[in-house]
Protein backbone atom coordinates (compact mmCIF):
# COMPACT_ATOMS: atom_id res chain seq x y z
CA MET A 1 -0.02 -0.10 -0.09
CA LEU A 2 2.78 2.66 1.03
CA ALA A 3 4.83 1.80 -2.08
CA GLY A 4 1.48 2.34 -4.40
CA THR A 5 1.10 5.59 -2.72
CA ALA A 6 4.52 6.91 -3.25
CA THR A 7 4.15 5.81 -7.05
CA LEU A 8 0.95 7.87 -7.35
CA LEU A 9 2.73 10.92 -5.58
CA ALA A 10 5.42 10.36 -8.18
CA LEU A 11 3.07 10.13 -11.07
CA ALA A 12 1.20 13.09 -9.84
CA GLY A 13 4.37 15.19 -10.00
CA CYS A 14 5.24 13.65 -13.46
CA GLN A 15 2.20 15.80 -14.78
CA GLY A 16 3.98 18.87 -13.80
CA ASP A 17 1.32 20.52 -12.05
CA SER A 18 2.58 22.04 -8.80
CA ASP A 19 -0.78 21.86 -7.16
CA THR A 20 -0.57 18.11 -7.24
CA ALA A 21 3.13 17.46 -6.71
CA GLU A 22 3.89 16.38 -3.24
CA PRO A 23 7.11 15.25 -1.50
CA VAL A 24 7.93 11.54 -1.36
CA SER A 25 10.06 10.04 1.22
CA ILE A 26 13.64 9.26 0.22
CA ALA A 27 14.82 5.76 0.42
CA ASP A 28 17.92 4.80 2.56
CA ASP A 29 20.10 3.81 -0.43
CA GLU A 30 18.97 6.46 -2.86
CA ASN A 31 21.86 8.82 -4.20
CA CYS A 32 21.93 12.36 -4.91
CA ILE A 33 21.29 12.96 -8.78
CA GLN A 34 23.84 16.11 -8.45
CA CYS A 35 26.89 14.67 -6.70
CA GLY A 36 26.35 10.73 -6.42
CA MET A 37 26.53 10.45 -2.69
CA VAL A 38 24.12 8.22 -0.72
CA ILE A 39 21.88 10.70 0.91
CA SER A 40 21.14 9.07 4.10
CA ASP A 41 24.78 8.94 4.70
CA HIS A 42 24.95 12.47 5.45
CA PRO A 43 23.92 15.27 7.86
CA GLY A 44 21.80 18.24 7.23
CA PRO A 45 18.63 19.39 4.82
CA VAL A 46 17.94 17.37 1.70
CA GLY A 47 15.84 18.29 -1.16
CA GLU A 48 13.73 17.01 -4.27
CA THR A 49 12.53 18.53 -7.27
CA PHE A 50 9.78 17.60 -9.82
CA TYR A 51 10.26 19.01 -13.17
CA GLN A 52 7.78 19.69 -16.02
CA ASP A 53 8.11 17.68 -19.22
CA ALA A 54 11.81 16.78 -18.53
CA THR A 55 13.46 14.09 -16.10
CA PRO A 56 17.03 12.82 -15.81
CA SER A 57 17.44 9.83 -18.14
CA GLY A 58 16.49 6.66 -16.10
CA ARG A 59 14.65 8.50 -13.29
CA GLU A 60 11.18 9.23 -12.28
CA THR A 61 10.64 12.47 -10.85
CA PRO A 62 11.23 13.90 -8.18
CA VAL A 63 14.94 13.90 -8.25
CA THR A 64 16.32 13.76 -4.93
CA PHE A 65 19.49 15.56 -3.44
CA CYS A 66 21.77 15.05 -0.48
CA SER A 67 21.76 18.82 0.41
CA THR A 68 19.93 22.04 -0.33
CA THR A 69 23.17 23.13 -1.94
CA CYS A 70 22.86 20.19 -4.57
CA THR A 71 19.07 20.87 -5.02
CA TYR A 72 19.81 24.57 -6.10
CA ARG A 73 22.90 23.67 -8.19
CA HIS A 74 20.78 21.27 -10.11
CA ARG A 75 18.00 23.52 -10.48
CA PHE A 76 20.20 26.24 -11.85
CA ALA A 77 21.87 24.07 -14.34
CA LYS A 78 18.56 22.44 -15.76
CA GLU A 79 17.04 25.89 -16.00
CA GLN A 80 19.71 26.83 -18.39
CA GLU A 81 18.85 23.73 -20.21
CA GLY A 82 15.29 24.67 -20.64
CA TRP A 83 13.95 22.36 -17.90
CA THR A 84 11.11 23.86 -15.82
CA PRO A 85 10.85 23.13 -12.15
CA SER A 86 7.17 22.53 -11.21
CA ALA A 87 7.97 22.17 -7.42
CA THR A 88 11.04 22.04 -5.18
CA PHE A 89 10.65 20.78 -1.66
CA LEU A 90 13.32 21.00 1.14
CA THR A 91 13.48 19.64 4.56
CA ASP A 92 11.40 21.71 6.84
CA TYR A 93 13.31 22.12 10.13
CA SER A 94 10.05 23.87 11.53
CA SER A 95 8.28 20.57 11.26
CA VAL A 96 10.68 18.11 12.70
CA ASP A 97 12.41 17.43 15.92
CA TYR A 98 16.03 17.83 15.32
CA ASP A 99 19.39 17.72 16.83
CA VAL A 100 22.62 19.86 16.26
CA ARG A 101 25.75 18.29 17.25
CA THR A 102 29.46 18.17 16.99
CA ASP A 103 30.69 15.38 14.60
CA GLY A 104 34.47 15.34 13.54
CA GLY A 105 34.87 19.08 14.88
CA ALA A 106 32.10 20.05 12.78
CA THR A 107 28.55 21.28 13.88
CA VAL A 108 26.02 19.35 11.98
CA LEU A 109 22.24 18.80 12.00
CA THR A 110 20.18 15.71 11.64
CA HIS A 111 18.75 14.65 8.17
CA HIS A 112 15.15 13.82 7.75
CA LEU A 113 13.84 11.73 4.73
CA ASP A 114 10.37 11.31 5.62
CA ALA A 115 8.05 13.13 3.17
CA THR A 116 6.18 14.57 6.05
CA ALA A 117 9.48 16.42 6.67
CA PHE A 118 9.18 18.41 3.37
CA ALA A 119 7.97 21.94 2.40
CA GLU A 120 7.90 23.79 -0.91
CA THR A 121 10.44 26.54 -1.15
CA SER A 122 7.71 28.88 -1.89
CA GLU A 123 6.65 28.51 2.00
CA LEU A 124 10.37 28.44 3.47
CA THR A 125 12.50 31.05 4.86
CA VAL A 126 16.44 29.75 4.87
CA VAL A 127 19.50 30.28 7.13
CA ALA A 128 22.56 30.64 4.82
CA ASN A 129 26.02 31.14 5.84
CA SER A 130 25.58 29.85 9.57
CA ASP A 131 28.29 27.55 11.32
CA VAL A 132 26.20 24.56 10.65
CA GLN A 133 27.60 22.02 8.09
CA GLY A 134 25.79 19.70 5.91
CA ALA A 135 26.46 17.10 3.12
CA MET A 136 28.09 19.88 0.78
CA GLY A 137 29.88 22.03 3.32
CA THR A 138 27.85 24.98 5.07
CA ALA A 139 24.35 23.94 5.02
CA ILE A 140 21.44 26.14 3.73
CA VAL A 141 18.62 25.39 6.58
CA PRO A 142 15.18 25.80 5.58
CA PHE A 143 12.08 26.84 7.94
CA SER A 144 8.53 27.42 7.42
CA ASP A 145 8.44 29.48 10.64
CA SER A 146 10.43 32.74 9.80
CA GLY A 147 10.89 33.11 13.73
CA ASP A 148 12.39 29.63 13.99
CA ALA A 149 14.69 30.66 10.98
CA GLU A 150 15.79 33.86 12.92
CA ALA A 151 16.32 31.90 16.37
CA PHE A 152 18.53 29.29 14.45
CA ALA A 153 20.67 32.04 12.99
CA GLU A 154 20.97 34.02 16.27
CA GLU A 155 22.22 30.65 17.72
CA TYR A 156 24.44 29.40 14.75
CA GLY A 157 25.07 32.67 13.03
CA GLY A 158 24.07 33.35 9.53
CA GLU A 159 21.33 35.19 7.56
CA THR A 160 17.78 34.65 6.77
CA LEU A 161 16.12 35.00 3.31
CA PRO A 162 13.30 33.56 1.51
CA ALA A 163 14.12 30.13 -0.07
CA GLU A 164 12.94 31.51 -3.40
CA ASP A 165 15.47 34.24 -3.10
CA ILE A 166 18.53 31.83 -3.32
CA ARG A 167 20.88 32.79 -6.25
CA ARG A 168 23.37 30.87 -8.08
CA GLU A 169 26.42 32.71 -6.28
CA LEU A 170 25.42 31.31 -3.06
CA VAL A 171 25.76 27.68 -4.16
CA SER A 172 28.57 27.98 -6.44
CA SER A 173 31.32 25.61 -6.34
CA GLY A 174 34.24 27.68 -6.27
């Protein structure tokens, strides 16, 4: 039953209608479409994007990512190729119980892979340039409650901005 529901949700996203696209849970062995890393092996926020009329070869939408950085890098690259995202979902740290801990000298944040942990970027405020690390370096941490984002930035540094305002320069690889 659960697999059937996930398939229906994925098919709804294939239609390219952002009103019907719903986030799906990310499997423990799933790889990031951008960098190839196993998503569940790394800390921090993750993402998934549904595209209208296009998907990477051999994949059904949504495409999934190990980090917000990979999510945005992929979107920017595919938009230049003419792909249109119908919906992008990121971990919503306002909706989950999360832990911040030190791991190997880095401050990291727990990841959440269940569909209920995601919110669409249009609903999110992110904290960029904090002291918290994710799968691809400094994490861009999303929250649906802007007050939660402000409190996180106050404790861990960084700046808040709407997730829709992230630009290529913030996630550039060099």
